[in-house]
PDB file of N, CA and C in Angstrom:
ATOM      1  N   MET A   1      -0.276 -12.128   6.108  1.00  0.00           N
ATOM      2  CA  MET A   1       0.761 -11.882   4.539  1.00  0.00           C
ATOM      3  C   MET A   1      -0.752 -11.373   2.922  1.00  0.00           C
ATOM      4  N   THR A   2       0.113 -10.990   2.573  1.00  0.00           N
ATOM      5  CA  THR A   2      -0.313 -10.120   0.964  1.00  0.00           C
ATOM      6  C   THR A   2      -0.552 -10.952   0.192  1.00  0.00           C
ATOM      7  N   GLU A   3      -1.746 -10.736  -0.596  1.00  0.00           N
ATOM      8  CA  GLU A   3      -2.255 -11.539  -1.592  1.00  0.00           C
ATOM      9  C   GLU A   3      -1.181 -10.860  -2.994  1.00  0.00           C
ATOM     10  N   PRO A   4      -0.790 -12.135  -3.600  1.00  0.00           N
ATOM     11  CA  PRO A   4      -0.300 -11.859  -5.036  1.00  0.00           C
ATOM     12  C   PRO A   4      -0.751 -10.560  -5.877  1.00  0.00           C
ATOM     13  N   LEU A   5       0.310  -9.831  -6.245  1.00  0.00           N
ATOM     14  CA  LEU A   5      -0.275  -9.026  -7.091  1.00  0.00           C
ATOM     15  C   LEU A   5      -1.477  -9.274  -7.981  1.00  0.00           C
ATOM     16  N   PRO A   6      -1.063 -10.322  -8.835  1.00  0.00           N
ATOM     17  CA  PRO A   6      -2.403 -10.079 -10.322  1.00  0.00           C
ATOM     18  C   PRO A   6      -3.460 -10.955  -9.462  1.00  0.00           C
ATOM     19  N   LEU A   7      -3.809 -11.472  -8.059  1.00  0.00           N
ATOM     20  CA  LEU A   7      -4.745 -11.727  -7.432  1.00  0.00           C
ATOM     21  C   LEU A   7      -5.741 -10.282  -7.161  1.00  0.00           C
ATOM     22  N   ILE A   8      -4.887  -9.364  -6.319  1.00  0.00           N
ATOM     23  CA  ILE A   8      -5.273  -8.456  -6.469  1.00  0.00           C
ATOM     24  C   ILE A   8      -5.881  -7.467  -7.367  1.00  0.00           C
ATOM     25  N   ILE A   9      -4.992  -7.507  -8.724  1.00  0.00           N
ATOM     26  CA  ILE A   9      -5.853  -6.506  -9.849  1.00  0.00           C
ATOM     27  C   ILE A   9      -6.988  -7.474 -10.185  1.00  0.00           C
ATOM     28  N   GLU A  10      -6.972  -8.925 -10.052  1.00  0.00           N
ATOM     29  CA  GLU A  10      -8.007  -9.400 -10.762  1.00  0.00           C
ATOM     30  C   GLU A  10      -8.979  -8.973  -9.591  1.00  0.00           C
ATOM     31  N   SER A  11      -9.369  -8.772  -8.429  1.00  0.00           N
ATOM     32  CA  SER A  11     -10.151  -9.281  -6.923  1.00  0.00           C
ATOM     33  C   SER A  11     -10.936  -7.647  -7.515  1.00  0.00           C
ATOM     34  N   SER A  12      -9.864  -6.655  -7.557  1.00  0.00           N
ATOM     35  CA  SER A  12     -10.125  -5.085  -7.417  1.00  0.00           C
ATOM     36  C   SER A  12     -10.931  -5.293  -8.481  1.00  0.00           C
ATOM     37  N   LEU A  13     -10.574  -5.226  -9.863  1.00  0.00           N
ATOM     38  CA  LEU A  13     -11.090  -5.070 -11.160  1.00  0.00           C
ATOM     39  C   LEU A  13     -12.657  -6.248 -11.170  1.00  0.00           C
ATOM     40  N   GLN A  14     -12.979  -7.441 -11.086  1.00  0.00           N
ATOM     41  CA  GLN A  14     -13.777  -7.290 -10.820  1.00  0.00           C
ATOM     42  C   GLN A  14     -15.225  -7.055  -9.900  1.00  0.00           C
ATOM     43  N   ILE A  15     -14.365  -6.790  -8.510  1.00  0.00           N
ATOM     44  CA  ILE A  15     -15.610  -5.762  -7.779  1.00  0.00           C
ATOM     45  C   ILE A  15     -15.897  -4.821  -8.499  1.00  0.00           C
ATOM     46  N   ALA A  16     -15.147  -3.605  -9.224  1.00  0.00           N
ATOM     47  CA  ALA A  16     -15.562  -2.492  -9.676  1.00  0.00           C
ATOM     48  C   ALA A  16     -16.231  -2.765 -11.115  1.00  0.00           C
ATOM     49  N   TRP A  17     -16.410  -4.031 -11.586  1.00  0.00           N
ATOM     50  CA  TRP A  17     -16.906  -4.359 -13.066  1.00  0.00           C
ATOM     51  C   TRP A  17     -18.448  -4.647 -12.410  1.00  0.00           C
ATOM     52  N   ASP A  18     -18.320  -5.533 -11.469  1.00  0.00           N
ATOM     53  CA  ASP A  18     -19.850  -6.017 -11.310  1.00  0.00           C
ATOM     54  C   ASP A  18     -20.835  -5.289 -10.454  1.00  0.00           C
ATOM     55  N   PHE A  19     -19.961  -3.726  -9.688  1.00  0.00           N
ATOM     56  CA  PHE A  19     -20.724  -2.863  -9.266  1.00  0.00           C
ATOM     57  C   PHE A  19     -21.444  -1.746 -10.424  1.00  0.00           C
ATOM     58  N   LEU A  20     -20.172  -1.617 -11.160  1.00  0.00           N
ATOM     59  CA  LEU A  20     -20.691  -0.963 -12.533  1.00  0.00           C
ATOM     60  C   LEU A  20     -21.821  -1.797 -13.386  1.00  0.00           C
ATOM     61  N   GLU A  21     -21.387  -3.002 -13.871  1.00  0.00           N
ATOM     62  CA  GLU A  21     -22.626  -3.571 -14.437  1.00  0.00           C
ATOM     63  C   GLU A  21     -24.062  -4.007 -13.662  1.00  0.00           C
ATOM     64  N   ARG A  22     -23.783  -3.930 -12.236  1.00  0.00           N
ATOM     65  CA  ARG A  22     -25.021  -3.712 -11.562  1.00  0.00           C
ATOM     66  C   ARG A  22     -25.995  -2.636 -11.544  1.00  0.00           C
ATOM     67  N   SER A  23     -25.106  -1.409 -11.303  1.00  0.00           N
ATOM     68  CA  SER A  23     -25.634  -0.087 -11.538  1.00  0.00           C
ATOM     69  C   SER A  23     -25.930   0.340 -12.943  1.00  0.00           C
ATOM     70  N   GLY A  24     -25.824  -0.155 -13.983  1.00  0.00           N
ATOM     71  CA  GLY A  24     -25.931   0.012 -15.466  1.00  0.00           C
ATOM     72  C   GLY A  24     -25.273   1.434 -15.716  1.00  0.00           C
ATOM     73  N   GLY A  25     -23.685   1.077 -15.162  1.00  0.00           N
ATOM     74  CA  GLY A  25     -22.957   2.501 -15.342  1.00  0.00           C
ATOM     75  C   GLY A  25     -21.526   1.660 -16.541  1.00  0.00           C
ATOM     76  N   ILE A  26     -21.803   0.323 -17.073  1.00  0.00           N
ATOM     77  CA  ILE A  26     -21.455  -0.209 -18.362  1.00  0.00           C
ATOM     78  C   ILE A  26     -21.767   0.105 -19.883  1.00  0.00           C
ATOM     79  N   GLU A  27     -21.385   1.580 -20.384  1.00  0.00           N
ATOM     80  CA  GLU A  27     -21.868   1.831 -21.604  1.00  0.00           C
ATOM     81  C   GLU A  27     -20.998   1.484 -22.834  1.00  0.00           C
ATOM     82  N   ASP A  28     -19.973   1.363 -22.535  1.00  0.00           N
ATOM     83  CA  ASP A  28     -19.061   0.987 -23.896  1.00  0.00           C
ATOM     84  C   ASP A  28     -18.075  -0.042 -22.709  1.00  0.00           C
ATOM     85  N   PRO A  29     -17.914  -1.444 -22.813  1.00  0.00           N
ATOM     86  CA  PRO A  29     -17.233  -2.332 -22.251  1.00  0.00           C
ATOM     87  C   PRO A  29     -15.867  -2.378 -22.362  1.00  0.00           C
ATOM     88  N   GLU A  30     -15.479  -2.109 -23.615  1.00  0.00           N
ATOM     89  CA  GLU A  30     -13.950  -2.188 -23.822  1.00  0.00           C
ATOM     90  C   GLU A  30     -13.339  -0.773 -23.133  1.00  0.00           C
ATOM     91  N   ARG A  31     -13.913   0.165 -23.304  1.00  0.00           N
ATOM     92  CA  ARG A  31     -14.087   1.481 -22.451  1.00  0.00           C
ATOM     93  C   ARG A  31     -13.379   1.708 -20.768  1.00  0.00           C
ATOM     94  N   THR A  32     -14.663   1.296 -20.095  1.00  0.00           N
ATOM     95  CA  THR A  32     -14.863   1.140 -19.045  1.00  0.00           C
ATOM     96  C   THR A  32     -13.533  -0.051 -18.778  1.00  0.00           C
ATOM     97  N   ALA A  33     -13.621  -1.218 -19.253  1.00  0.00           N
ATOM     98  CA  ALA A  33     -12.099  -1.848 -18.856  1.00  0.00           C
ATOM     99  C   ALA A  33     -11.171  -1.212 -18.745  1.00  0.00           C
ATOM    100  N   GLU A  34     -10.479  -0.523 -19.835  1.00  0.00           N
ATOM    101  CA  GLU A  34      -9.308   0.256 -20.231  1.00  0.00           C
ATOM    102  C   GLU A  34      -8.867   1.266 -18.901  1.00  0.00           C
ATOM    103  N   ILE A  35     -10.491   1.957 -18.447  1.00  0.00           N
ATOM    104  CA  ILE A  35     -10.290   2.982 -17.629  1.00  0.00           C
ATOM    105  C   ILE A  35     -10.259   2.179 -16.512  1.00  0.00           C
ATOM    106  N   LEU A  36     -10.697   1.397 -15.924  1.00  0.00           N
ATOM    107  CA  LEU A  36     -10.688   0.615 -14.520  1.00  0.00           C
ATOM    108  C   LEU A  36      -8.957  -0.089 -14.426  1.00  0.00           C
ATOM    109  N   LEU A  37      -8.499  -0.610 -15.463  1.00  0.00           N
ATOM    110  CA  LEU A  37      -7.351  -1.154 -15.103  1.00  0.00           C
ATOM    111  C   LEU A  37      -6.218   0.016 -15.197  1.00  0.00           C
ATOM    112  N   ALA A  38      -6.351   0.644 -16.099  1.00  0.00           N
ATOM    113  CA  ALA A  38      -5.205   1.880 -16.006  1.00  0.00           C
ATOM    114  C   ALA A  38      -5.365   2.565 -14.292  1.00  0.00           C
ATOM    115  N   SER A  39      -6.520   2.747 -14.032  1.00  0.00           N
ATOM    116  CA  SER A  39      -7.046   3.472 -13.087  1.00  0.00           C
ATOM    117  C   SER A  39      -6.233   2.035 -11.219  1.00  0.00           C
ATOM    118  N   ILE A  40      -5.907   1.416 -11.504  1.00  0.00           N
ATOM    119  CA  ILE A  40      -5.942   0.198 -10.506  1.00  0.00           C
ATOM    120  C   ILE A  40      -4.427   0.105 -10.500  1.00  0.00           C
ATOM    121  N   LYS A  41      -3.870   0.186 -12.184  1.00  0.00           N
ATOM    122  CA  LYS A  41      -2.147  -0.339 -12.558  1.00  0.00           C
ATOM    123  C   LYS A  41      -1.555   1.615 -11.342  1.00  0.00           C
ATOM    124  N   THR A  42      -2.437   2.391 -11.746  1.00  0.00           N
ATOM    125  CA  THR A  42      -1.786   3.587 -11.200  1.00  0.00           C
ATOM    126  C   THR A  42      -1.546   3.381  -9.806  1.00  0.00           C
ATOM    127  N   GLN A  43      -2.706   3.209  -9.327  1.00  0.00           N
ATOM    128  CA  GLN A  43      -2.601   3.200  -7.570  1.00  0.00           C
ATOM    129  C   GLN A  43      -1.629   2.157  -7.554  1.00  0.00           C
ATOM    130  N   ILE A  44      -1.867   0.994  -8.024  1.00  0.00           N
ATOM    131  CA  ILE A  44      -0.648  -0.380  -7.407  1.00  0.00           C
ATOM    132  C   ILE A  44       0.855   0.580  -7.190  1.00  0.00           C
ATOM    133  N   LEU A  45       0.838   1.159  -8.889  1.00  0.00           N
ATOM    134  CA  LEU A  45       2.294   1.779  -8.759  1.00  0.00           C
ATOM    135  C   LEU A  45       2.481   2.820  -7.694  1.00  0.00           C
ATOM    136  N   LYS A  46       1.646   3.571  -6.762  1.00  0.00           N
ATOM    137  CA  LYS A  46       1.564   4.323  -6.022  1.00  0.00           C
ATOM    138  C   LYS A  46       1.658   3.529  -4.731  1.00  0.00           C
ATOM    139  N   GLY A  47       1.275   2.404  -4.233  1.00  0.00           N
ATOM    140  CA  GLY A  47       1.863   1.773  -3.371  1.00  0.00           C
ATOM    141  C   GLY A  47       0.850   1.038  -2.637  1.00  0.00           C
ATOM    142  N   GLU A  48      -0.685   1.184  -3.352  1.00  0.00           N
ATOM    143  CA  GLU A  48      -2.027   0.932  -2.790  1.00  0.00           C
ATOM    144  C   GLU A  48      -2.179  -0.554  -3.141  1.00  0.00           C
ATOM    145  N   ASN A  49      -2.624  -1.041  -2.112  1.00  0.00           N
ATOM    146  CA  ASN A  49      -2.662  -2.714  -2.524  1.00  0.00           C
ATOM    147  C   ASN A  49      -4.269  -3.059  -1.671  1.00  0.00           C
ATOM    148  N   ARG A  50      -4.987  -2.283  -1.187  1.00  0.00           N
ATOM    149  CA  ARG A  50      -5.988  -2.652  -0.552  1.00  0.00           C
ATOM    150  C   ARG A  50      -7.132  -2.660  -1.489  1.00  0.00           C
ATOM    151  N   THR A  51      -7.651  -4.209  -1.929  1.00  0.00           N
ATOM    152  CA  THR A  51      -8.529  -4.561  -2.756  1.00  0.00           C
ATOM    153  C   THR A  51      -9.921  -3.452  -2.800  1.00  0.00           C
ATOM    154  N   LEU A  52     -10.784  -3.396  -1.827  1.00  0.00           N
ATOM    155  CA  LEU A  52     -11.982  -2.183  -2.046  1.00  0.00           C
ATOM    156  C   LEU A  52     -11.349  -1.131  -2.476  1.00  0.00           C
ATOM    157  N   MET A  53     -10.445  -0.220  -1.668  1.00  0.00           N
ATOM    158  CA  MET A  53      -9.766   1.145  -1.817  1.00  0.00           C
ATOM    159  C   MET A  53      -9.439   0.913  -3.883  1.00  0.00           C
ATOM    160  N   LEU A  54      -9.177  -0.270  -4.235  1.00  0.00           N
ATOM    161  CA  LEU A  54      -8.537  -0.179  -5.529  1.00  0.00           C
ATOM    162  C   LEU A  54      -9.744   0.145  -6.382  1.00  0.00           C
ATOM    163  N   SER A  55     -10.776  -0.891  -5.824  1.00  0.00           N
ATOM    164  CA  SER A  55     -11.771  -0.866  -6.620  1.00  0.00           C
ATOM    165  C   SER A  55     -12.856   0.441  -6.768  1.00  0.00           C
ATOM    166  N   ASN A  56     -12.986   0.905  -5.571  1.00  0.00           N
ATOM    167  CA  ASN A  56     -14.117   2.095  -5.225  1.00  0.00           C
ATOM    168  C   ASN A  56     -13.097   3.283  -6.053  1.00  0.00           C
ATOM    169  N   ARG A  57     -11.907   3.442  -6.105  1.00  0.00           N
ATOM    170  CA  ARG A  57     -11.322   4.683  -6.747  1.00  0.00           C
ATOM    171  C   ARG A  57     -11.055   4.675  -8.407  1.00  0.00           C
ATOM    172  N   ALA A  58     -11.387   3.297  -9.030  1.00  0.00           N
ATOM    173  CA  ALA A  58     -11.068   3.004 -10.057  1.00  0.00           C
ATOM    174  C   ALA A  58     -12.680   2.679 -10.578  1.00  0.00           C
ATOM    175  N   ILE A  59     -13.754   2.680  -9.839  1.00  0.00           N
ATOM    176  CA  ILE A  59     -15.117   3.314 -10.165  1.00  0.00           C
ATOM    177  C   ILE A  59     -15.579   4.810 -10.178  1.00  0.00           C
ATOM    178  N   ALA A  60     -14.328   5.440  -9.501  1.00  0.00           N
ATOM    179  CA  ALA A  60     -14.913   6.745  -9.050  1.00  0.00           C
ATOM    180  C   ALA A  60     -14.170   7.463 -10.509  1.00  0.00           C
ATOM    181  N   ALA A  61     -13.602   6.511 -10.984  1.00  0.00           N
ATOM    182  CA  ALA A  61     -12.250   6.845 -12.230  1.00  0.00           C
ATOM    183  C   ALA A  61     -13.418   7.500 -13.772  1.00  0.00           C
ATOM    184  N   VAL A  62     -14.165   5.946 -13.588  1.00  0.00           N
ATOM    185  CA  VAL A  62     -15.042   5.729 -14.684  1.00  0.00           C
ATOM    186  C   VAL A  62     -16.359   6.597 -14.392  1.00  0.00           C
ATOM    187  N   GLU A  63     -16.751   6.955 -13.240  1.00  0.00           N
ATOM    188  CA  GLU A  63     -17.712   7.994 -12.781  1.00  0.00           C
ATOM    189  C   GLU A  63     -17.492   9.179 -13.525  1.00  0.00           C
ATOM    190  N   ARG A  64     -16.182   9.922 -13.280  1.00  0.00           N
ATOM    191  CA  ARG A  64     -15.451  11.061 -13.625  1.00  0.00           C
ATOM    192  C   ARG A  64     -15.233  10.985 -15.456  1.00  0.00           C
ATOM    193  N   ARG A  65     -14.945  10.035 -15.624  1.00  0.00           N
ATOM    194  CA  ARG A  65     -14.897  10.159 -17.083  1.00  0.00           C
ATOM    195  C   ARG A  65     -16.674  10.305 -18.158  1.00  0.00           C
ATOM    196  N   LYS A  66     -17.421   9.504 -17.380  1.00  0.00           N
ATOM    197  CA  LYS A  66     -18.598   9.630 -18.180  1.00  0.00           C
ATOM    198  C   LYS A  66     -19.007  10.937 -17.399  1.00  0.00           C
ATOM    199  N   ALA A  67     -18.922  11.564 -16.637  1.00  0.00           N
ATOM    200  CA  ALA A  67     -19.355  13.287 -15.939  1.00  0.00           C
ATOM    201  C   ALA A  67     -18.671  14.117 -16.950  1.00  0.00           C
ATOM    202  N   ALA A  68     -17.519  13.997 -17.676  1.00  0.00           N
ATOM    203  CA  ALA A  68     -16.647  14.834 -18.228  1.00  0.00           C
ATOM    204  C   ALA A  68     -17.283  14.768 -19.838  1.00  0.00           C
TER     205      ALA A  68
END
């Protein structure tokens, strides 16, 4: 059984946020949250619904933005 979409989004966002917070990857909390949520939203619209995949790709999106 698949989790409800709001729970998938919330869980993915929390996993990514916790990881970035522990690793010191959050310089601007508001911008970080925007990037994470945009990444998760884009992935969901493309059909991805695996929580860890969503969070890992969202983390990668934040790291790419920091490197740019």
